[in-house]
């Protein structure tokens, strides 16, 4: 799972090709920390079809706002730089994230 920084987000996600999952999270968010092992598990299962990444929004609030991330955790899937699916806050569960992955594949 690729750890994004504010200076790598555009290159890796918005300019990236194919399917890219971004886990917008915060180290201060207990729900985010609980979800992360499930996202990593999904990356092992689907990593050959989707690039899995994560971005700590604490150091990247401007990017989060531009991507309309209003709360964490938010898991978004991009295709060729365009957001095509998202699960946010209480909807960002392992089951829902896997559901949107299957929908975009």
N, C-alpha and C. Protein backbone atom coordinates (compact mmCIF):
# COMPACT_ATOMS: atom_id res chain seq x y z
N UNK A 1 0.87 -1.18 0.00
CA UNK A 1 0.00 0.00 0.00
C UNK A 1 0.90 1.23 0.00
N UNK A 2 0.68 2.08 -0.97
CA UNK A 2 1.52 3.26 -1.15
C UNK A 2 1.07 4.40 -0.25
N UNK A 3 1.99 4.94 0.53
CA UNK A 3 1.68 6.08 1.39
C UNK A 3 1.87 7.35 0.57
N UNK A 4 0.79 8.11 0.41
CA UNK A 4 0.84 9.36 -0.35
C UNK A 4 1.21 10.52 0.56
N UNK A 5 1.81 11.52 -0.03
CA UNK A 5 2.11 12.79 0.63
C UNK A 5 1.44 13.88 -0.20
N UNK A 6 1.35 15.07 0.38
CA UNK A 6 0.69 16.14 -0.37
C UNK A 6 1.40 16.45 -1.69
N UNK A 7 2.71 16.22 -1.76
CA UNK A 7 3.43 16.51 -3.00
C UNK A 7 3.46 15.32 -3.98
N UNK A 8 2.88 14.17 -3.60
CA UNK A 8 2.83 13.03 -4.52
C UNK A 8 1.41 12.68 -4.94
N UNK A 9 0.40 13.28 -4.31
CA UNK A 9 -0.99 12.93 -4.59
C UNK A 9 -1.35 13.14 -6.06
N UNK A 10 -1.07 14.32 -6.59
CA UNK A 10 -1.45 14.61 -7.98
C UNK A 10 -0.83 13.62 -8.95
N UNK A 11 0.47 13.39 -8.80
CA UNK A 11 1.18 12.48 -9.71
C UNK A 11 0.65 11.04 -9.60
N UNK A 12 0.48 10.56 -8.39
CA UNK A 12 0.09 9.17 -8.18
C UNK A 12 -1.39 8.90 -8.44
N UNK A 13 -2.25 9.89 -8.16
CA UNK A 13 -3.70 9.66 -8.25
C UNK A 13 -4.32 10.40 -9.43
N UNK A 14 -4.23 11.71 -9.44
CA UNK A 14 -4.92 12.49 -10.47
C UNK A 14 -4.30 12.33 -11.86
N UNK A 15 -3.00 12.02 -11.90
CA UNK A 15 -2.34 11.78 -13.18
C UNK A 15 -2.12 10.29 -13.42
N UNK A 16 -2.56 9.46 -12.47
CA UNK A 16 -2.38 8.01 -12.57
C UNK A 16 -3.32 7.38 -13.58
N UNK A 17 -2.91 6.23 -14.08
CA UNK A 17 -3.71 5.48 -15.05
C UNK A 17 -4.31 4.26 -14.35
N UNK A 18 -5.51 3.89 -14.78
CA UNK A 18 -6.16 2.72 -14.22
C UNK A 18 -6.90 3.05 -12.94
N UNK A 19 -7.21 2.01 -12.17
CA UNK A 19 -7.97 2.15 -10.93
C UNK A 19 -7.03 2.37 -9.75
N UNK A 20 -7.35 3.38 -8.96
CA UNK A 20 -6.55 3.74 -7.79
C UNK A 20 -7.49 3.98 -6.61
N UNK A 21 -7.28 3.27 -5.53
CA UNK A 21 -8.04 3.45 -4.30
C UNK A 21 -7.23 4.35 -3.37
N UNK A 22 -7.90 5.35 -2.81
CA UNK A 22 -7.25 6.24 -1.83
C UNK A 22 -8.02 6.14 -0.52
N UNK A 23 -7.30 5.77 0.52
CA UNK A 23 -7.85 5.76 1.88
C UNK A 23 -7.45 7.09 2.52
N UNK A 24 -8.40 8.02 2.59
CA UNK A 24 -8.18 9.29 3.29
C UNK A 24 -8.41 9.01 4.77
N UNK A 25 -7.41 9.22 5.59
CA UNK A 25 -7.49 8.86 7.00
C UNK A 25 -6.74 9.87 7.84
N UNK A 26 -6.82 9.68 9.15
CA UNK A 26 -6.07 10.51 10.10
C UNK A 26 -5.60 9.62 11.24
N UNK A 27 -4.40 9.86 11.69
CA UNK A 27 -3.85 9.10 12.81
C UNK A 27 -4.61 9.39 14.11
N UNK A 28 -5.37 10.48 14.13
CA UNK A 28 -6.17 10.84 15.32
C UNK A 28 -7.57 10.23 15.28
N UNK A 29 -7.88 9.51 14.22
CA UNK A 29 -9.22 8.93 14.01
C UNK A 29 -9.17 7.43 14.34
N UNK A 30 -9.84 7.05 15.43
CA UNK A 30 -9.82 5.64 15.86
C UNK A 30 -10.51 4.74 14.84
N UNK A 31 -11.59 5.22 14.22
CA UNK A 31 -12.28 4.43 13.21
C UNK A 31 -11.36 4.20 12.01
N UNK A 32 -10.60 5.23 11.64
CA UNK A 32 -9.64 5.11 10.53
C UNK A 32 -8.60 4.03 10.84
N UNK A 33 -8.07 4.07 12.05
CA UNK A 33 -7.03 3.11 12.43
C UNK A 33 -7.59 1.69 12.48
N UNK A 34 -8.86 1.56 12.84
CA UNK A 34 -9.49 0.23 12.87
C UNK A 34 -9.76 -0.28 11.45
N UNK A 35 -10.05 0.62 10.53
CA UNK A 35 -10.34 0.23 9.15
C UNK A 35 -9.07 -0.14 8.38
N UNK A 36 -7.95 0.46 8.71
CA UNK A 36 -6.73 0.29 7.93
C UNK A 36 -6.31 -1.16 7.72
N UNK A 37 -6.34 -2.03 8.73
CA UNK A 37 -5.96 -3.44 8.47
C UNK A 37 -6.87 -4.11 7.44
N UNK A 38 -8.14 -3.73 7.42
CA UNK A 38 -9.07 -4.29 6.44
C UNK A 38 -8.74 -3.80 5.03
N UNK A 39 -8.36 -2.53 4.92
CA UNK A 39 -7.96 -1.99 3.61
C UNK A 39 -6.71 -2.70 3.13
N UNK A 40 -5.76 -2.93 4.05
CA UNK A 40 -4.55 -3.65 3.68
C UNK A 40 -4.86 -5.08 3.25
N UNK A 41 -5.82 -5.71 3.91
CA UNK A 41 -6.26 -7.06 3.54
C UNK A 41 -6.86 -7.05 2.13
N UNK A 42 -7.70 -6.04 1.85
CA UNK A 42 -8.29 -5.91 0.51
C UNK A 42 -7.22 -5.64 -0.55
N UNK A 43 -6.16 -4.94 -0.16
CA UNK A 43 -5.08 -4.67 -1.12
C UNK A 43 -4.38 -5.97 -1.53
N UNK A 44 -4.30 -6.92 -0.61
CA UNK A 44 -3.71 -8.21 -0.95
C UNK A 44 -4.63 -8.99 -1.90
N UNK A 45 -5.92 -8.83 -1.71
CA UNK A 45 -6.91 -9.55 -2.51
C UNK A 45 -7.09 -8.94 -3.90
N UNK A 46 -7.08 -7.61 -3.99
CA UNK A 46 -7.38 -6.92 -5.25
C UNK A 46 -6.21 -6.10 -5.80
N UNK A 47 -5.06 -6.18 -5.16
CA UNK A 47 -3.92 -5.34 -5.53
C UNK A 47 -3.41 -5.53 -6.94
N UNK A 48 -3.76 -6.65 -7.58
CA UNK A 48 -3.33 -6.87 -8.96
C UNK A 48 -4.23 -6.11 -9.94
N UNK A 49 -5.38 -5.60 -9.46
CA UNK A 49 -6.33 -4.89 -10.32
C UNK A 49 -6.47 -3.41 -9.98
N UNK A 50 -6.17 -3.06 -8.72
CA UNK A 50 -6.31 -1.69 -8.23
C UNK A 50 -5.05 -1.31 -7.45
N UNK A 51 -4.57 -0.09 -7.68
CA UNK A 51 -3.45 0.40 -6.87
C UNK A 51 -4.02 0.96 -5.57
N UNK A 52 -3.55 0.46 -4.45
CA UNK A 52 -4.03 0.89 -3.13
C UNK A 52 -3.07 1.93 -2.55
N UNK A 53 -3.66 3.05 -2.09
CA UNK A 53 -2.87 4.13 -1.51
C UNK A 53 -3.58 4.66 -0.28
N UNK A 54 -2.84 5.42 0.54
CA UNK A 54 -3.45 6.07 1.70
C UNK A 54 -2.85 7.46 1.85
N UNK A 55 -3.68 8.38 2.35
CA UNK A 55 -3.25 9.77 2.55
C UNK A 55 -3.73 10.23 3.91
N UNK A 56 -2.78 10.60 4.77
CA UNK A 56 -3.11 11.18 6.07
C UNK A 56 -3.53 12.63 5.83
N UNK A 57 -4.80 12.93 6.08
CA UNK A 57 -5.33 14.26 5.76
C UNK A 57 -4.79 15.36 6.67
N UNK A 58 -4.22 14.99 7.81
CA UNK A 58 -3.70 16.01 8.73
C UNK A 58 -2.65 16.88 8.04
N UNK A 59 -1.81 16.29 7.23
CA UNK A 59 -0.79 17.07 6.52
C UNK A 59 -1.20 17.47 5.13
N UNK A 60 -2.46 17.19 4.77
CA UNK A 60 -2.89 17.45 3.40
C UNK A 60 -4.34 17.92 3.34
N UNK A 61 -4.68 18.87 4.19
CA UNK A 61 -6.07 19.36 4.25
C UNK A 61 -6.52 20.00 2.95
N UNK A 62 -5.64 20.70 2.26
CA UNK A 62 -6.01 21.34 1.00
C UNK A 62 -6.41 20.31 -0.04
N UNK A 63 -5.65 19.23 -0.12
CA UNK A 63 -6.00 18.15 -1.05
C UNK A 63 -7.33 17.53 -0.67
N UNK A 64 -7.51 17.26 0.62
CA UNK A 64 -8.77 16.66 1.09
C UNK A 64 -9.96 17.55 0.71
N UNK A 65 -9.83 18.84 0.92
CA UNK A 65 -10.93 19.76 0.57
C UNK A 65 -11.19 19.75 -0.94
N UNK A 66 -10.12 19.80 -1.73
CA UNK A 66 -10.28 19.79 -3.19
C UNK A 66 -10.95 18.51 -3.66
N UNK A 67 -10.73 17.42 -2.94
CA UNK A 67 -11.33 16.13 -3.31
C UNK A 67 -12.69 15.93 -2.65
N UNK A 68 -13.17 16.98 -1.99
CA UNK A 68 -14.48 16.97 -1.31
C UNK A 68 -14.59 15.89 -0.24
N UNK A 69 -13.48 15.68 0.46
CA UNK A 69 -13.45 14.77 1.61
C UNK A 69 -13.88 15.59 2.82
N UNK A 70 -15.09 15.31 3.30
CA UNK A 70 -15.67 16.11 4.37
C UNK A 70 -15.48 15.49 5.75
N UNK A 71 -15.00 14.28 5.79
CA UNK A 71 -14.75 13.59 7.06
C UNK A 71 -13.97 12.33 6.80
N UNK A 72 -13.41 11.77 7.84
CA UNK A 72 -12.64 10.54 7.71
C UNK A 72 -13.24 9.47 8.61
N UNK A 73 -13.10 8.22 8.23
CA UNK A 73 -12.41 7.77 7.02
C UNK A 73 -13.27 7.98 5.77
N UNK A 74 -12.58 8.23 4.67
CA UNK A 74 -13.21 8.27 3.35
C UNK A 74 -12.33 7.44 2.43
N UNK A 75 -12.95 6.50 1.76
CA UNK A 75 -12.25 5.66 0.79
C UNK A 75 -12.82 5.97 -0.58
N UNK A 76 -11.94 6.45 -1.46
CA UNK A 76 -12.36 6.85 -2.81
C UNK A 76 -11.64 5.99 -3.84
N UNK A 77 -12.33 5.73 -4.94
CA UNK A 77 -11.71 5.03 -6.05
C UNK A 77 -11.72 5.95 -7.26
N UNK A 78 -10.55 6.07 -7.87
CA UNK A 78 -10.35 6.91 -9.05
C UNK A 78 -10.05 6.01 -10.24
N UNK A 79 -10.52 6.44 -11.41
CA UNK A 79 -10.16 5.77 -12.66
C UNK A 79 -9.59 6.82 -13.59
N UNK A 80 -8.34 6.63 -13.95
CA UNK A 80 -7.64 7.58 -14.82
C UNK A 80 -7.76 9.01 -14.30
N UNK A 81 -7.64 9.17 -12.98
CA UNK A 81 -7.62 10.49 -12.36
C UNK A 81 -8.96 11.08 -11.99
N UNK A 82 -10.06 10.36 -12.27
CA UNK A 82 -11.40 10.86 -11.98
C UNK A 82 -12.04 9.98 -10.91
N UNK A 83 -12.58 10.62 -9.86
CA UNK A 83 -13.23 9.87 -8.79
C UNK A 83 -14.51 9.24 -9.33
N UNK A 84 -14.63 7.91 -9.14
CA UNK A 84 -15.80 7.20 -9.67
C UNK A 84 -16.62 6.52 -8.57
N UNK A 85 -16.06 6.39 -7.36
CA UNK A 85 -16.80 5.74 -6.27
C UNK A 85 -16.22 6.21 -4.94
N UNK A 86 -17.09 6.15 -3.90
CA UNK A 86 -16.63 6.61 -2.59
C UNK A 86 -17.49 6.03 -1.48
N UNK A 87 -16.84 5.74 -0.36
CA UNK A 87 -17.52 5.36 0.88
C UNK A 87 -16.95 6.27 1.97
N UNK A 88 -17.83 7.01 2.63
CA UNK A 88 -17.35 8.01 3.59
C UNK A 88 -17.92 7.79 4.98
N UNK A 89 -17.14 8.18 5.97
CA UNK A 89 -17.49 8.16 7.39
C UNK A 89 -18.11 6.83 7.79
N UNK A 90 -19.34 6.81 8.28
CA UNK A 90 -19.91 5.55 8.77
C UNK A 90 -20.15 4.53 7.66
N UNK A 91 -20.17 4.97 6.40
CA UNK A 91 -20.32 4.03 5.29
C UNK A 91 -19.00 3.38 4.89
N UNK A 92 -17.89 3.87 5.42
CA UNK A 92 -16.57 3.32 5.09
C UNK A 92 -16.28 2.11 5.97
N UNK A 93 -16.94 1.01 5.64
CA UNK A 93 -16.73 -0.25 6.33
C UNK A 93 -16.02 -1.21 5.38
N UNK A 94 -15.44 -2.26 5.93
CA UNK A 94 -14.76 -3.26 5.10
C UNK A 94 -15.72 -3.78 4.03
N UNK A 95 -16.94 -4.09 4.43
CA UNK A 95 -17.93 -4.65 3.50
C UNK A 95 -18.27 -3.65 2.38
N UNK A 96 -18.50 -2.40 2.74
CA UNK A 96 -18.86 -1.40 1.73
C UNK A 96 -17.70 -1.09 0.80
N UNK A 97 -16.48 -1.05 1.35
CA UNK A 97 -15.32 -0.79 0.50
C UNK A 97 -15.15 -1.94 -0.50
N UNK A 98 -15.30 -3.19 -0.02
CA UNK A 98 -15.18 -4.32 -0.95
C UNK A 98 -16.30 -4.28 -1.99
N UNK A 99 -17.48 -3.85 -1.59
CA UNK A 99 -18.61 -3.75 -2.51
C UNK A 99 -18.30 -2.76 -3.64
N UNK A 100 -17.77 -1.59 -3.30
CA UNK A 100 -17.48 -0.61 -4.36
C UNK A 100 -16.30 -1.07 -5.23
N UNK A 101 -15.37 -1.81 -4.63
CA UNK A 101 -14.27 -2.37 -5.44
C UNK A 101 -14.86 -3.32 -6.49
N UNK A 102 -15.73 -4.22 -6.06
CA UNK A 102 -16.33 -5.17 -6.99
C UNK A 102 -17.16 -4.46 -8.06
N UNK A 103 -17.81 -3.36 -7.69
CA UNK A 103 -18.63 -2.61 -8.66
C UNK A 103 -17.79 -1.97 -9.77
N UNK A 104 -16.59 -1.54 -9.43
CA UNK A 104 -15.77 -0.85 -10.43
C UNK A 104 -14.91 -1.79 -11.25
N UNK A 105 -14.77 -3.02 -10.79
CA UNK A 105 -13.95 -3.98 -11.55
C UNK A 105 -14.70 -4.55 -12.74
